[in-house]
N, C-alpha and C. Protein backbone atom coordinates (compact mmCIF):
# COMPACT_ATOMS: atom_id res chain seq x y z
N MET A 1 15.46 15.51 -49.87
CA MET A 1 14.70 14.90 -48.81
C MET A 1 13.36 15.62 -48.73
N ILE A 2 12.32 14.97 -49.17
CA ILE A 2 10.97 15.54 -49.14
C ILE A 2 10.08 14.59 -48.38
N TYR A 3 9.42 15.11 -47.38
CA TYR A 3 8.41 14.35 -46.67
C TYR A 3 7.36 15.30 -46.17
N SER A 4 6.22 14.77 -45.84
CA SER A 4 5.07 15.59 -45.48
C SER A 4 5.32 16.37 -44.20
N SER A 5 4.84 17.61 -44.17
CA SER A 5 5.00 18.43 -42.96
C SER A 5 4.16 17.88 -41.81
N ALA A 6 3.09 17.17 -42.11
CA ALA A 6 2.28 16.57 -41.05
C ALA A 6 3.08 15.49 -40.33
N LEU A 7 3.92 14.76 -41.07
CA LEU A 7 4.75 13.75 -40.45
C LEU A 7 5.84 14.38 -39.61
N ALA A 8 6.33 15.53 -40.03
CA ALA A 8 7.38 16.20 -39.28
C ALA A 8 6.85 16.74 -37.95
N GLN A 9 5.57 17.09 -37.89
CA GLN A 9 5.00 17.63 -36.67
C GLN A 9 4.67 16.55 -35.66
N ASP A 10 4.47 15.33 -36.09
CA ASP A 10 4.14 14.23 -35.19
C ASP A 10 5.43 13.73 -34.55
N SER A 11 5.50 13.81 -33.22
CA SER A 11 6.73 13.41 -32.54
C SER A 11 6.86 11.90 -32.41
N SER A 12 5.80 11.14 -32.72
CA SER A 12 5.89 9.70 -32.58
C SER A 12 6.37 9.01 -33.85
N ILE A 13 6.58 9.77 -34.92
CA ILE A 13 7.06 9.20 -36.17
C ILE A 13 8.33 9.95 -36.56
N THR A 14 9.41 9.21 -36.75
CA THR A 14 10.68 9.80 -37.10
C THR A 14 11.06 9.36 -38.51
N PRO A 15 11.35 10.31 -39.41
CA PRO A 15 11.79 9.91 -40.74
C PRO A 15 13.23 9.42 -40.71
N ILE A 16 13.49 8.30 -41.36
CA ILE A 16 14.83 7.77 -41.47
C ILE A 16 15.13 7.64 -42.95
N ILE A 17 16.23 8.21 -43.38
CA ILE A 17 16.58 8.21 -44.80
C ILE A 17 17.57 7.08 -45.04
N LYS A 18 17.18 6.11 -45.86
CA LYS A 18 18.09 5.02 -46.18
C LYS A 18 19.02 5.41 -47.33
N ASP A 19 18.49 5.99 -48.33
CA ASP A 19 19.29 6.55 -49.41
C ASP A 19 18.56 7.79 -49.92
N SER A 20 19.05 8.39 -50.99
CA SER A 20 18.47 9.65 -51.44
C SER A 20 17.07 9.50 -52.04
N ASN A 21 16.66 8.29 -52.37
CA ASN A 21 15.36 8.09 -53.02
C ASN A 21 14.28 7.53 -52.11
N SER A 22 14.64 7.01 -50.95
CA SER A 22 13.61 6.37 -50.12
C SER A 22 13.67 6.89 -48.69
N ILE A 23 12.50 7.03 -48.11
CA ILE A 23 12.36 7.45 -46.73
C ILE A 23 11.54 6.38 -46.02
N VAL A 24 12.05 5.91 -44.91
CA VAL A 24 11.34 4.91 -44.11
C VAL A 24 10.88 5.61 -42.83
N LEU A 25 9.61 5.46 -42.50
CA LEU A 25 9.09 6.07 -41.28
C LEU A 25 9.16 5.06 -40.15
N LYS A 26 9.78 5.47 -39.05
CA LYS A 26 9.96 4.59 -37.91
C LYS A 26 9.25 5.21 -36.72
N LYS A 27 8.40 4.43 -36.05
CA LYS A 27 7.69 4.93 -34.88
C LYS A 27 8.62 5.01 -33.68
N SER A 28 8.43 6.01 -32.86
CA SER A 28 9.17 6.12 -31.62
C SER A 28 8.20 6.50 -30.51
N LYS A 29 8.62 6.30 -29.29
CA LYS A 29 7.77 6.60 -28.14
C LYS A 29 8.44 7.67 -27.28
N SER A 30 7.63 8.54 -26.72
CA SER A 30 8.13 9.62 -25.88
C SER A 30 8.32 9.10 -24.45
N PRO A 31 9.54 9.20 -23.91
CA PRO A 31 9.77 8.78 -22.52
C PRO A 31 8.95 9.60 -21.52
N PHE A 32 8.75 10.89 -21.80
CA PHE A 32 7.95 11.73 -20.91
C PHE A 32 6.52 11.21 -20.84
N ASN A 33 5.92 10.89 -22.00
CA ASN A 33 4.55 10.37 -22.00
C ASN A 33 4.47 9.02 -21.30
N ALA A 34 5.48 8.18 -21.48
CA ALA A 34 5.48 6.87 -20.84
C ALA A 34 5.48 7.01 -19.31
N VAL A 35 6.30 7.92 -18.80
CA VAL A 35 6.36 8.14 -17.35
C VAL A 35 5.05 8.77 -16.86
N LEU A 36 4.52 9.70 -17.63
CA LEU A 36 3.26 10.35 -17.26
C LEU A 36 2.13 9.32 -17.17
N TYR A 37 2.04 8.43 -18.14
CA TYR A 37 1.01 7.40 -18.11
C TYR A 37 1.22 6.45 -16.92
N SER A 38 2.48 6.14 -16.60
CA SER A 38 2.75 5.25 -15.47
C SER A 38 2.37 5.90 -14.14
N PHE A 39 2.54 7.22 -14.05
CA PHE A 39 2.15 7.90 -12.82
C PHE A 39 0.64 8.02 -12.70
N ILE A 40 -0.08 8.03 -13.81
CA ILE A 40 -1.54 8.04 -13.74
C ILE A 40 -2.02 6.72 -13.14
N PHE A 41 -1.53 5.61 -13.67
CA PHE A 41 -1.79 4.29 -13.08
C PHE A 41 -0.71 3.33 -13.55
N PRO A 42 -0.09 2.59 -12.64
CA PRO A 42 0.96 1.64 -13.05
C PRO A 42 0.41 0.63 -14.05
N GLY A 43 1.16 0.43 -15.11
CA GLY A 43 0.75 -0.48 -16.18
C GLY A 43 0.34 0.26 -17.43
N SER A 44 -0.17 1.47 -17.30
CA SER A 44 -0.57 2.20 -18.51
C SER A 44 0.65 2.68 -19.29
N GLY A 45 1.75 2.95 -18.63
CA GLY A 45 2.99 3.28 -19.34
C GLY A 45 3.53 2.09 -20.10
N GLN A 46 3.36 0.89 -19.54
CA GLN A 46 3.79 -0.32 -20.24
C GLN A 46 2.91 -0.56 -21.47
N LEU A 47 1.63 -0.26 -21.37
CA LEU A 47 0.76 -0.37 -22.54
C LEU A 47 1.18 0.62 -23.61
N TYR A 48 1.59 1.82 -23.21
CA TYR A 48 2.01 2.85 -24.16
C TYR A 48 3.25 2.42 -24.94
N VAL A 49 4.21 1.78 -24.25
CA VAL A 49 5.43 1.34 -24.94
C VAL A 49 5.31 -0.07 -25.49
N GLU A 50 4.10 -0.59 -25.48
CA GLU A 50 3.76 -1.90 -26.07
C GLU A 50 4.45 -3.07 -25.39
N SER A 51 4.68 -2.97 -24.09
CA SER A 51 5.15 -4.10 -23.29
C SER A 51 3.91 -4.69 -22.61
N TYR A 52 3.11 -5.35 -23.41
CA TYR A 52 1.78 -5.77 -22.95
C TYR A 52 1.82 -6.77 -21.81
N TRP A 53 2.82 -7.60 -21.74
CA TRP A 53 2.85 -8.61 -20.68
C TRP A 53 3.22 -8.01 -19.33
N LYS A 54 3.84 -6.82 -19.30
CA LYS A 54 4.21 -6.20 -18.03
C LYS A 54 3.07 -5.40 -17.41
N ALA A 55 2.13 -4.97 -18.23
CA ALA A 55 1.04 -4.12 -17.74
C ALA A 55 0.21 -4.79 -16.64
N PRO A 56 -0.23 -6.05 -16.81
CA PRO A 56 -1.02 -6.65 -15.73
C PRO A 56 -0.21 -6.89 -14.45
N LEU A 57 1.10 -7.07 -14.58
CA LEU A 57 1.93 -7.25 -13.38
C LEU A 57 1.96 -5.96 -12.57
N ALA A 58 2.19 -4.83 -13.24
CA ALA A 58 2.24 -3.55 -12.53
C ALA A 58 0.87 -3.19 -11.97
N ALA A 59 -0.17 -3.37 -12.78
CA ALA A 59 -1.52 -3.03 -12.32
C ALA A 59 -1.96 -3.96 -11.18
N GLY A 60 -1.62 -5.23 -11.27
CA GLY A 60 -1.97 -6.18 -10.22
C GLY A 60 -1.26 -5.88 -8.91
N ALA A 61 0.03 -5.52 -8.99
CA ALA A 61 0.76 -5.17 -7.78
C ALA A 61 0.17 -3.91 -7.14
N ALA A 62 -0.16 -2.92 -7.97
CA ALA A 62 -0.76 -1.69 -7.44
C ALA A 62 -2.12 -1.99 -6.81
N GLY A 63 -2.93 -2.80 -7.47
CA GLY A 63 -4.23 -3.16 -6.93
C GLY A 63 -4.12 -3.92 -5.61
N PHE A 64 -3.14 -4.83 -5.52
CA PHE A 64 -2.94 -5.58 -4.29
C PHE A 64 -2.60 -4.66 -3.13
N PHE A 65 -1.68 -3.72 -3.35
CA PHE A 65 -1.27 -2.83 -2.26
C PHE A 65 -2.36 -1.82 -1.92
N ILE A 66 -3.15 -1.41 -2.89
CA ILE A 66 -4.29 -0.53 -2.59
C ILE A 66 -5.29 -1.28 -1.70
N TYR A 67 -5.55 -2.55 -2.03
CA TYR A 67 -6.44 -3.36 -1.20
C TYR A 67 -5.88 -3.49 0.21
N GLN A 68 -4.58 -3.77 0.33
CA GLN A 68 -3.96 -3.93 1.65
C GLN A 68 -4.05 -2.64 2.46
N ILE A 69 -3.86 -1.50 1.81
CA ILE A 69 -3.97 -0.22 2.51
C ILE A 69 -5.38 -0.03 3.05
N LEU A 70 -6.38 -0.28 2.21
CA LEU A 70 -7.77 -0.09 2.63
C LEU A 70 -8.16 -1.08 3.73
N HIS A 71 -7.73 -2.32 3.60
CA HIS A 71 -8.06 -3.35 4.59
C HIS A 71 -7.42 -3.02 5.94
N ASN A 72 -6.13 -2.67 5.93
CA ASN A 72 -5.44 -2.33 7.18
C ASN A 72 -5.99 -1.06 7.80
N HIS A 73 -6.42 -0.11 6.97
CA HIS A 73 -7.01 1.11 7.52
C HIS A 73 -8.34 0.80 8.19
N SER A 74 -9.12 -0.10 7.60
CA SER A 74 -10.38 -0.49 8.19
C SER A 74 -10.16 -1.15 9.56
N LEU A 75 -9.20 -2.07 9.63
CA LEU A 75 -8.91 -2.73 10.90
C LEU A 75 -8.31 -1.76 11.91
N TYR A 76 -7.53 -0.80 11.43
CA TYR A 76 -6.98 0.22 12.32
C TYR A 76 -8.10 1.05 12.95
N THR A 77 -9.05 1.49 12.15
CA THR A 77 -10.13 2.33 12.70
C THR A 77 -11.01 1.53 13.66
N GLN A 78 -11.24 0.24 13.37
CA GLN A 78 -12.02 -0.58 14.29
C GLN A 78 -11.33 -0.69 15.65
N ASN A 79 -10.04 -0.99 15.63
CA ASN A 79 -9.31 -1.14 16.90
C ASN A 79 -9.10 0.20 17.59
N ALA A 80 -8.92 1.26 16.85
CA ALA A 80 -8.77 2.59 17.46
C ALA A 80 -10.08 3.02 18.12
N ASP A 81 -11.20 2.75 17.45
CA ASP A 81 -12.49 3.09 18.05
C ASP A 81 -12.75 2.28 19.31
N ALA A 82 -12.41 0.98 19.27
CA ALA A 82 -12.61 0.13 20.45
C ALA A 82 -11.71 0.59 21.60
N TYR A 83 -10.48 0.95 21.30
CA TYR A 83 -9.55 1.43 22.34
C TYR A 83 -10.04 2.76 22.92
N ASN A 84 -10.43 3.68 22.06
CA ASN A 84 -10.92 4.98 22.53
C ASN A 84 -12.20 4.84 23.35
N GLN A 85 -13.06 3.91 22.95
CA GLN A 85 -14.31 3.67 23.69
C GLN A 85 -14.00 3.10 25.08
N ALA A 86 -13.03 2.18 25.14
CA ALA A 86 -12.66 1.58 26.42
C ALA A 86 -12.06 2.63 27.36
N ILE A 87 -11.23 3.49 26.83
CA ILE A 87 -10.63 4.56 27.65
C ILE A 87 -11.70 5.54 28.10
N ALA A 88 -12.66 5.86 27.20
CA ALA A 88 -13.74 6.78 27.55
C ALA A 88 -14.64 6.19 28.63
N ASN A 89 -14.76 4.85 28.68
CA ASN A 89 -15.58 4.19 29.70
C ASN A 89 -14.84 4.10 31.04
N GLY A 90 -13.61 4.59 31.09
CA GLY A 90 -12.89 4.62 32.36
C GLY A 90 -12.04 3.41 32.63
N GLN A 91 -11.83 2.53 31.64
CA GLN A 91 -10.97 1.37 31.86
C GLN A 91 -9.50 1.80 31.83
N SER A 92 -8.69 1.13 32.60
CA SER A 92 -7.28 1.46 32.70
C SER A 92 -6.53 0.98 31.45
N PRO A 93 -5.63 1.80 30.90
CA PRO A 93 -4.82 1.36 29.74
C PRO A 93 -3.85 0.24 30.10
N LEU A 94 -3.68 -0.04 31.37
CA LEU A 94 -2.76 -1.09 31.79
C LEU A 94 -3.40 -2.47 31.80
N LEU A 95 -4.71 -2.56 31.65
CA LEU A 95 -5.37 -3.86 31.57
C LEU A 95 -4.91 -4.59 30.31
N PRO A 96 -4.74 -5.91 30.41
CA PRO A 96 -4.22 -6.67 29.25
C PRO A 96 -5.09 -6.54 28.00
N GLU A 97 -6.42 -6.58 28.15
CA GLU A 97 -7.28 -6.50 26.96
C GLU A 97 -7.24 -5.10 26.34
N ILE A 98 -7.06 -4.07 27.12
CA ILE A 98 -6.95 -2.70 26.59
C ILE A 98 -5.59 -2.51 25.94
N ASP A 99 -4.56 -3.07 26.57
CA ASP A 99 -3.22 -3.00 25.98
C ASP A 99 -3.17 -3.76 24.64
N LEU A 100 -3.90 -4.87 24.56
CA LEU A 100 -3.99 -5.63 23.31
C LEU A 100 -4.65 -4.79 22.22
N LEU A 101 -5.72 -4.07 22.55
CA LEU A 101 -6.37 -3.19 21.57
C LEU A 101 -5.40 -2.12 21.07
N LYS A 102 -4.60 -1.59 21.98
CA LYS A 102 -3.64 -0.55 21.61
C LYS A 102 -2.57 -1.13 20.68
N ARG A 103 -2.06 -2.31 21.00
CA ARG A 103 -1.04 -2.93 20.15
C ARG A 103 -1.60 -3.31 18.78
N LYS A 104 -2.86 -3.79 18.73
CA LYS A 104 -3.49 -4.08 17.44
C LYS A 104 -3.64 -2.82 16.61
N ARG A 105 -4.06 -1.74 17.26
CA ARG A 105 -4.22 -0.46 16.57
C ARG A 105 -2.89 -0.03 15.94
N GLU A 106 -1.81 -0.11 16.71
CA GLU A 106 -0.50 0.27 16.21
C GLU A 106 -0.01 -0.67 15.11
N PHE A 107 -0.31 -1.97 15.24
CA PHE A 107 0.08 -2.94 14.22
C PHE A 107 -0.57 -2.62 12.88
N TYR A 108 -1.88 -2.39 12.87
CA TYR A 108 -2.58 -2.11 11.61
C TYR A 108 -2.19 -0.75 11.05
N ASN A 109 -1.88 0.20 11.92
CA ASN A 109 -1.40 1.50 11.46
C ASN A 109 -0.06 1.35 10.74
N ASN A 110 0.85 0.58 11.34
CA ASN A 110 2.16 0.35 10.71
C ASN A 110 2.03 -0.41 9.40
N ASN A 111 1.17 -1.44 9.36
CA ASN A 111 0.98 -2.20 8.13
C ASN A 111 0.40 -1.32 7.02
N ARG A 112 -0.53 -0.46 7.37
CA ARG A 112 -1.11 0.45 6.38
C ARG A 112 -0.03 1.35 5.78
N ASP A 113 0.83 1.91 6.65
CA ASP A 113 1.87 2.81 6.18
C ASP A 113 2.92 2.09 5.33
N ILE A 114 3.30 0.89 5.74
CA ILE A 114 4.28 0.12 4.97
C ILE A 114 3.73 -0.25 3.60
N ASN A 115 2.46 -0.64 3.54
CA ASN A 115 1.86 -0.95 2.25
C ASN A 115 1.76 0.30 1.37
N GLY A 116 1.61 1.47 1.98
CA GLY A 116 1.65 2.71 1.21
C GLY A 116 3.02 2.93 0.58
N LEU A 117 4.08 2.61 1.32
CA LEU A 117 5.43 2.71 0.76
C LEU A 117 5.64 1.69 -0.36
N TYR A 118 5.10 0.50 -0.19
CA TYR A 118 5.21 -0.50 -1.26
C TYR A 118 4.47 -0.03 -2.52
N LEU A 119 3.33 0.62 -2.33
CA LEU A 119 2.58 1.15 -3.47
C LEU A 119 3.39 2.23 -4.19
N LEU A 120 4.05 3.09 -3.43
CA LEU A 120 4.92 4.09 -4.06
C LEU A 120 6.07 3.44 -4.81
N ALA A 121 6.60 2.35 -4.27
CA ALA A 121 7.67 1.63 -4.96
C ALA A 121 7.17 1.03 -6.27
N VAL A 122 5.95 0.51 -6.28
CA VAL A 122 5.38 -0.04 -7.51
C VAL A 122 5.23 1.07 -8.55
N TYR A 123 4.74 2.24 -8.13
CA TYR A 123 4.64 3.38 -9.04
C TYR A 123 6.01 3.75 -9.61
N GLY A 124 7.02 3.80 -8.75
CA GLY A 124 8.36 4.17 -9.20
C GLY A 124 8.96 3.15 -10.15
N ILE A 125 8.82 1.87 -9.83
CA ILE A 125 9.37 0.82 -10.69
C ILE A 125 8.66 0.81 -12.03
N ALA A 126 7.35 0.97 -12.03
CA ALA A 126 6.60 1.00 -13.29
C ALA A 126 7.00 2.21 -14.13
N ALA A 127 7.23 3.36 -13.50
CA ALA A 127 7.63 4.56 -14.23
C ALA A 127 9.02 4.39 -14.84
N VAL A 128 9.95 3.83 -14.08
CA VAL A 128 11.30 3.61 -14.60
C VAL A 128 11.27 2.59 -15.74
N ASP A 129 10.49 1.54 -15.59
CA ASP A 129 10.38 0.53 -16.65
C ASP A 129 9.78 1.14 -17.92
N ALA A 130 8.76 1.97 -17.78
CA ALA A 130 8.16 2.61 -18.95
C ALA A 130 9.14 3.58 -19.60
N TYR A 131 9.91 4.30 -18.80
CA TYR A 131 10.91 5.23 -19.32
C TYR A 131 11.96 4.50 -20.14
N VAL A 132 12.48 3.42 -19.59
CA VAL A 132 13.48 2.63 -20.31
C VAL A 132 12.87 1.99 -21.55
N GLY A 133 11.64 1.50 -21.42
CA GLY A 133 10.97 0.91 -22.57
C GLY A 133 10.75 1.90 -23.70
N ALA A 134 10.46 3.15 -23.36
CA ALA A 134 10.28 4.17 -24.40
C ALA A 134 11.60 4.50 -25.08
N HIS A 135 12.68 4.55 -24.30
CA HIS A 135 13.99 4.82 -24.90
C HIS A 135 14.45 3.68 -25.80
N LEU A 136 14.13 2.45 -25.41
CA LEU A 136 14.58 1.30 -26.19
C LEU A 136 13.54 0.81 -27.19
N PHE A 137 12.49 1.58 -27.41
CA PHE A 137 11.42 1.15 -28.32
C PHE A 137 11.95 0.93 -29.73
N ASP A 138 12.85 1.78 -30.20
CA ASP A 138 13.38 1.69 -31.56
C ASP A 138 14.62 0.81 -31.66
N PHE A 139 15.04 0.21 -30.56
CA PHE A 139 16.26 -0.58 -30.58
C PHE A 139 16.10 -1.79 -31.49
N ASP A 140 17.07 -1.98 -32.37
CA ASP A 140 17.02 -3.07 -33.34
C ASP A 140 17.45 -4.37 -32.67
N ILE A 141 16.55 -5.34 -32.66
CA ILE A 141 16.86 -6.64 -32.06
C ILE A 141 16.82 -7.74 -33.11
N SER A 142 17.20 -7.38 -34.34
CA SER A 142 17.16 -8.37 -35.42
C SER A 142 18.26 -9.42 -35.21
N ASP A 143 18.13 -10.52 -35.91
CA ASP A 143 19.09 -11.61 -35.81
C ASP A 143 20.28 -11.41 -36.73
N ASP A 144 20.36 -10.28 -37.43
CA ASP A 144 21.43 -10.02 -38.38
C ASP A 144 22.69 -9.57 -37.64
N LEU A 145 23.53 -10.52 -37.33
CA LEU A 145 24.83 -10.24 -36.74
C LEU A 145 25.87 -10.62 -37.79
N SER A 146 26.32 -9.65 -38.57
CA SER A 146 27.22 -9.96 -39.66
C SER A 146 28.44 -9.06 -39.62
N MET A 147 29.49 -9.53 -40.30
CA MET A 147 30.72 -8.76 -40.41
C MET A 147 31.24 -8.93 -41.82
N SER A 148 31.70 -7.85 -42.39
CA SER A 148 32.29 -7.95 -43.73
C SER A 148 33.60 -7.17 -43.75
N ILE A 149 34.58 -7.73 -44.44
CA ILE A 149 35.88 -7.08 -44.59
C ILE A 149 36.01 -6.72 -46.06
N LEU A 150 36.16 -5.44 -46.32
CA LEU A 150 36.21 -4.93 -47.68
C LEU A 150 37.48 -4.12 -47.88
N PRO A 151 38.01 -4.11 -49.11
CA PRO A 151 39.17 -3.24 -49.35
C PRO A 151 38.73 -1.78 -49.34
N ASN A 152 39.60 -0.91 -48.91
CA ASN A 152 39.33 0.51 -48.86
C ASN A 152 39.70 1.12 -50.22
N PRO A 153 38.74 1.67 -50.96
CA PRO A 153 39.04 2.17 -52.31
C PRO A 153 39.87 3.46 -52.30
N VAL A 154 40.01 4.11 -51.19
CA VAL A 154 40.75 5.38 -51.14
C VAL A 154 42.24 5.13 -51.35
N ASN A 155 42.79 4.10 -50.77
CA ASN A 155 44.23 3.82 -50.87
C ASN A 155 44.53 2.72 -51.88
N ASN A 156 43.74 2.61 -52.89
CA ASN A 156 43.94 1.61 -53.95
C ASN A 156 43.98 0.19 -53.40
N GLY A 157 43.21 -0.08 -52.41
CA GLY A 157 43.12 -1.43 -51.88
C GLY A 157 44.22 -1.78 -50.91
N GLY A 158 45.05 -0.84 -50.51
CA GLY A 158 46.15 -1.13 -49.59
C GLY A 158 45.69 -1.27 -48.15
N VAL A 159 44.54 -0.73 -47.81
CA VAL A 159 44.04 -0.78 -46.44
C VAL A 159 42.67 -1.44 -46.46
N PHE A 160 42.44 -2.30 -45.51
CA PHE A 160 41.15 -2.96 -45.41
C PHE A 160 40.31 -2.27 -44.33
N SER A 161 39.03 -2.28 -44.53
CA SER A 161 38.12 -1.74 -43.51
C SER A 161 37.15 -2.83 -43.12
N ALA A 162 36.73 -2.79 -41.89
CA ALA A 162 35.79 -3.78 -41.38
C ALA A 162 34.50 -3.07 -41.00
N ARG A 163 33.39 -3.73 -41.27
CA ARG A 163 32.08 -3.18 -40.92
C ARG A 163 31.32 -4.25 -40.13
N PHE A 164 30.88 -3.87 -38.96
CA PHE A 164 30.11 -4.77 -38.11
C PHE A 164 28.67 -4.32 -38.12
N THR A 165 27.76 -5.25 -38.29
CA THR A 165 26.34 -4.95 -38.25
C THR A 165 25.73 -5.71 -37.09
N PHE A 166 25.15 -4.97 -36.17
CA PHE A 166 24.50 -5.60 -35.03
C PHE A 166 23.03 -5.33 -35.08
């Protein structure tokens, strides 16, 4: 078994020996790198494991929740400033319009926080998907589903052996 030392040092290429005369190089993906890329930004781990159709879904979901967080934070600060200004002007917190400002402030605060949790969920789901995709990158999905029954040469053909290829 002879192969280049440069190939042995590269963790993304694994030598597979079919027989004593031939070596086939098979690419593999690192699950650690896939998760790391997904934590940098959702969708980049999917690009790393070559699941190209999943990348825009993860990136789009992350972008949507980032927008929602920023939008709700903006509305929260507007209503919080209006409420604080009304209280500073000496208006009673029991007035309906002041109570409405307080409830709006709390509503946008809660929405901002919930969208932050959804964003964390998107990061987690994208990381798990990239991890699984990296582990299954080398999985053989060929259409060769065959079975052969051969005599066993050790016992002079008295025992049969079966070989399944998936």
